[in-house]
Protein backbone atom coordinates (compact mmCIF):
# COMPACT_ATOMS: atom_id res chain seq x y z
CA MET A 1 -65.73 105.01 -30.36
CA LYS A 2 -64.86 106.24 -26.50
CA VAL A 3 -65.80 102.98 -25.51
CA LEU A 4 -63.40 100.93 -27.87
CA LYS A 5 -60.23 103.09 -27.18
CA GLY A 6 -60.94 102.87 -23.35
CA LEU A 7 -61.08 98.66 -23.97
CA PHE A 8 -57.95 98.88 -26.31
CA ILE A 9 -56.17 100.96 -23.43
CA VAL A 10 -57.28 98.51 -20.71
CA ALA A 11 -56.51 95.50 -23.40
CA LEU A 12 -52.58 97.10 -23.70
CA ALA A 13 -52.43 97.92 -19.70
CA ILE A 14 -53.58 94.14 -19.24
CA VAL A 15 -50.58 92.45 -22.06
CA ALA A 16 -47.78 95.13 -20.43
CA THR A 17 -48.66 94.34 -16.90
CA PHE A 18 -48.34 90.24 -17.98
CA VAL A 19 -44.94 91.63 -20.02
CA LEU A 20 -43.45 93.45 -16.86
CA VAL A 21 -44.23 90.99 -14.49
CA GLY A 22 -42.88 88.65 -16.46
CA LEU A 23 -39.79 89.64 -16.82
CA LEU A 24 -39.67 90.04 -13.10
CA LEU A 25 -40.40 86.79 -12.28
CA PRO A 26 -37.11 83.94 -11.86
CA LYS A 27 -36.34 82.22 -15.17
CA VAL A 28 -35.31 79.23 -13.30
CA ALA A 29 -37.49 76.55 -11.81
CA THR A 30 -36.81 74.04 -9.56
CA VAL A 31 -38.41 71.27 -7.47
CA GLU A 32 -36.81 69.86 -5.23
CA ARG A 33 -37.14 66.37 -2.53
CA THR A 34 -35.03 64.68 -0.09
CA THR A 35 -35.53 61.58 1.78
CA THR A 36 -33.10 59.20 4.31
CA ILE A 37 -32.66 55.40 3.03
CA ALA A 38 -31.19 52.51 5.14
CA ALA A 39 -29.34 51.80 1.97
CA THR A 40 -25.66 52.44 0.76
CA PRO A 41 -24.90 55.17 -1.59
CA ASP A 42 -23.97 52.16 -3.90
CA ALA A 43 -27.17 50.36 -3.79
CA ILE A 44 -29.07 53.64 -4.32
CA PHE A 45 -26.92 54.30 -7.18
CA GLU A 46 -26.83 50.84 -8.85
CA LEU A 47 -30.90 51.72 -9.00
CA ALA A 48 -30.76 55.20 -10.23
CA ASP A 49 -27.50 54.84 -12.70
CA GLY A 50 -29.46 53.96 -15.87
CA PHE A 51 -32.82 52.53 -16.44
CA GLY A 52 -33.25 49.24 -16.59
CA ARG A 53 -34.81 49.41 -13.09
CA PHE A 54 -36.25 53.13 -13.37
CA ASN A 55 -39.86 51.83 -13.60
CA GLU A 56 -39.64 49.63 -10.53
CA TRP A 57 -39.27 53.40 -8.46
CA SER A 58 -40.51 55.85 -10.86
CA PRO A 59 -43.91 57.45 -10.09
CA TRP A 60 -45.00 57.81 -13.52
CA ALA A 61 -44.82 54.39 -14.65
CA SER A 62 -47.41 52.86 -12.69
CA LEU A 63 -50.11 56.05 -14.40
CA ASP A 64 -50.81 54.14 -17.89
CA PRO A 65 -49.11 50.83 -18.28
CA ALA A 66 -49.36 50.75 -22.34
CA THR A 67 -46.11 53.48 -21.95
CA LYS A 68 -44.15 52.54 -24.71
CA TYR A 69 -40.95 52.72 -24.39
CA THR A 70 -37.54 52.63 -26.25
CA TYR A 71 -33.78 52.36 -24.70
CA SER A 72 -30.45 52.99 -26.31
CA GLY A 73 -27.15 53.91 -25.49
CA PRO A 74 -24.99 51.93 -22.74
CA ALA A 75 -27.42 50.26 -20.32
CA ARG A 76 -25.56 52.32 -17.18
CA GLY A 77 -24.29 56.05 -16.84
CA VAL A 78 -23.55 58.76 -19.61
CA GLY A 79 -25.28 58.36 -22.95
CA ALA A 80 -27.78 55.86 -21.23
CA ARG A 81 -31.28 57.21 -22.98
CA MET A 82 -35.04 56.22 -22.21
CA GLU A 83 -37.88 57.76 -24.48
CA TRP A 84 -41.10 57.21 -23.94
CA SER A 85 -44.58 57.49 -25.69
CA SER A 86 -48.37 57.35 -23.94
CA ASP A 87 -51.93 58.74 -24.60
CA ASN A 88 -52.41 59.72 -21.38
CA PRO A 89 -51.21 63.24 -20.99
CA ASP A 90 -50.15 62.78 -17.42
CA VAL A 91 -47.52 60.63 -18.75
CA GLY A 92 -47.70 62.37 -22.17
CA SER A 93 -44.04 61.77 -24.72
CA GLY A 94 -40.76 62.58 -23.61
CA SER A 95 -36.97 61.64 -23.37
CA GLN A 96 -34.47 60.94 -20.68
CA GLU A 97 -30.61 60.69 -21.35
CA ILE A 98 -28.04 60.39 -18.50
CA ILE A 99 -25.27 62.98 -19.18
CA ALA A 100 -22.83 62.65 -15.90
CA ILE A 101 -22.59 60.26 -13.28
CA GLU A 102 -19.95 60.59 -9.93
CA PRO A 103 -19.84 56.87 -9.28
CA GLY A 104 -22.08 56.04 -5.93
CA ARG A 105 -22.65 60.17 -5.21
CA SER A 106 -24.86 61.50 -8.42
CA VAL A 107 -26.54 60.97 -11.70
CA THR A 108 -27.53 64.06 -13.68
CA SER A 109 -29.86 63.63 -16.65
CA ALA A 110 -31.41 65.93 -19.37
CA LEU A 111 -35.57 65.64 -19.47
CA ASP A 112 -37.12 66.44 -23.12
CA LEU A 113 -40.70 67.01 -22.55
CA GLY A 114 -40.94 68.44 -26.06
CA MET A 115 -41.42 72.35 -24.33
CA ASN A 116 -38.18 73.97 -25.51
CA THR A 117 -36.85 74.46 -22.26
CA PRO A 118 -33.72 73.40 -21.16
CA THR A 119 -34.77 70.72 -17.93
CA THR A 120 -32.55 68.62 -16.16
CA THR A 121 -33.03 66.13 -13.05
CA LYS A 122 -30.28 65.44 -10.67
CA MET A 123 -30.17 62.81 -7.99
CA VAL A 124 -27.58 63.38 -5.28
CA LEU A 125 -26.50 60.85 -2.87
CA THR A 126 -24.59 61.61 0.96
CA PRO A 127 -23.64 59.47 3.33
CA GLU A 128 -25.91 59.86 6.68
CA GLY A 129 -25.17 57.48 9.59
CA THR A 130 -25.83 53.86 8.49
CA GLY A 131 -27.68 55.26 5.88
CA THR A 132 -28.38 57.53 2.64
CA ARG A 133 -29.41 60.99 2.17
CA VAL A 134 -31.05 61.17 -1.26
CA THR A 135 -31.88 64.61 -2.90
CA TRP A 136 -33.60 64.36 -5.67
CA THR A 137 -33.93 67.89 -7.75
CA LEU A 138 -35.74 68.87 -11.38
CA THR A 139 -34.33 72.23 -12.85
CA THR A 140 -36.11 73.80 -16.04
CA ASP A 141 -35.15 77.00 -17.39
CA PHE A 142 -37.41 79.35 -18.68
CA SER A 143 -35.24 82.37 -20.20
CA SER A 144 -36.62 81.55 -23.39
CA SER A 145 -40.84 82.02 -22.51
CA LEU A 146 -42.67 84.32 -20.22
CA VAL A 147 -45.28 81.78 -20.38
CA GLY A 148 -42.94 79.23 -18.89
CA ARG A 149 -41.95 81.14 -16.10
CA TYR A 150 -45.30 81.76 -14.99
CA PHE A 151 -45.93 78.39 -15.48
CA GLY A 152 -42.48 77.74 -13.15
CA LEU A 153 -44.55 79.44 -10.59
CA ALA A 154 -46.72 76.24 -10.51
CA LEU A 155 -43.80 73.58 -11.27
CA ASP A 156 -43.32 72.11 -7.56
CA GLY A 157 -47.23 71.62 -6.64
CA MET A 158 -46.86 69.86 -9.94
CA VAL A 159 -44.13 67.73 -9.67
CA GLY A 160 -43.48 68.15 -5.92
CA PRO A 161 -46.09 65.55 -5.12
CA ASP A 162 -44.40 63.07 -7.98
CA TYR A 163 -40.92 63.53 -6.44
CA ASP A 164 -42.12 62.73 -3.34
CA LYS A 165 -43.36 59.28 -4.78
CA GLY A 166 -41.02 58.41 -6.34
CA LEU A 167 -38.43 58.85 -3.60
CA ALA A 168 -40.86 57.07 -1.23
CA GLN A 169 -41.21 54.37 -3.68
CA LEU A 170 -37.12 54.24 -4.22
CA LYS A 171 -36.50 53.68 -0.28
CA GLU A 172 -38.87 50.73 -0.39
CA LEU A 173 -37.24 49.23 -3.34
CA ALA A 174 -33.57 49.71 -2.42
CA GLU A 175 -34.28 49.37 1.46
CA SER A 176 -35.82 46.20 0.31
CA SER A 177 -32.86 44.93 -1.96
CA GLN A 178 -30.14 45.82 1.14
CA THR A 179 -32.21 43.11 3.22
CA SER A 180 -32.23 40.45 0.62
CA ARG A 181 -28.80 40.16 0.11
CA PRO A 182 -25.69 39.44 2.09
CA SER A 183 -23.71 42.57 2.87
CA GLY A 184 -21.29 43.49 0.26
CA GLN A 185 -23.00 41.49 -2.77
CA VAL A 186 -23.82 43.16 -5.32
CA THR A 187 -26.62 42.69 -6.93
CA PRO A 188 -26.37 42.04 -11.17
CA VAL A 189 -27.86 44.82 -13.62
CA PRO A 190 -30.87 42.80 -14.91
CA PRO A 191 -31.08 43.03 -18.64
CA MET A 192 -32.27 46.38 -20.83
CA PRO A 193 -35.99 46.26 -21.25
CA GLN A 194 -36.87 46.30 -25.13
């Protein structure tokens, strides 16, 4: 009986420690990556505002070419929405919808991965010399989840490399688009994929 009582006390102490530490962990987790691109803010904004060209630079598009995409709302700007579904657990299912823009300066999206934690992504474009500094941020609010707060500690290590890859692909796409058209000419937006 003393052994069972001792095990119960140890288990209770572990649970109490988990809860106490969880309450002290940050409620919000942020992943942020930055790069400089030899293209104008407007040229980069053209690639980031809407989902018509998102998979040309997305770090996740190549993980499962069989992913099913659905697009709704306007092609660009607030309300543009993309949903995806994949059997690949690295891609999963979810949606992303643009909720705010500052033309030529930033695009903010709400991201829903089915985890019931408010998540936003934001890409900020800042002129720098003859190019643009691009800062891509993911912010997740784990206020309602103690387990999520622990998960938040690992978020940068899990998502950061994808953001690095995405920015590298965006840089390559934007810089090749910038050099392939005459200065001042705007590339037309392709039709939304179906």
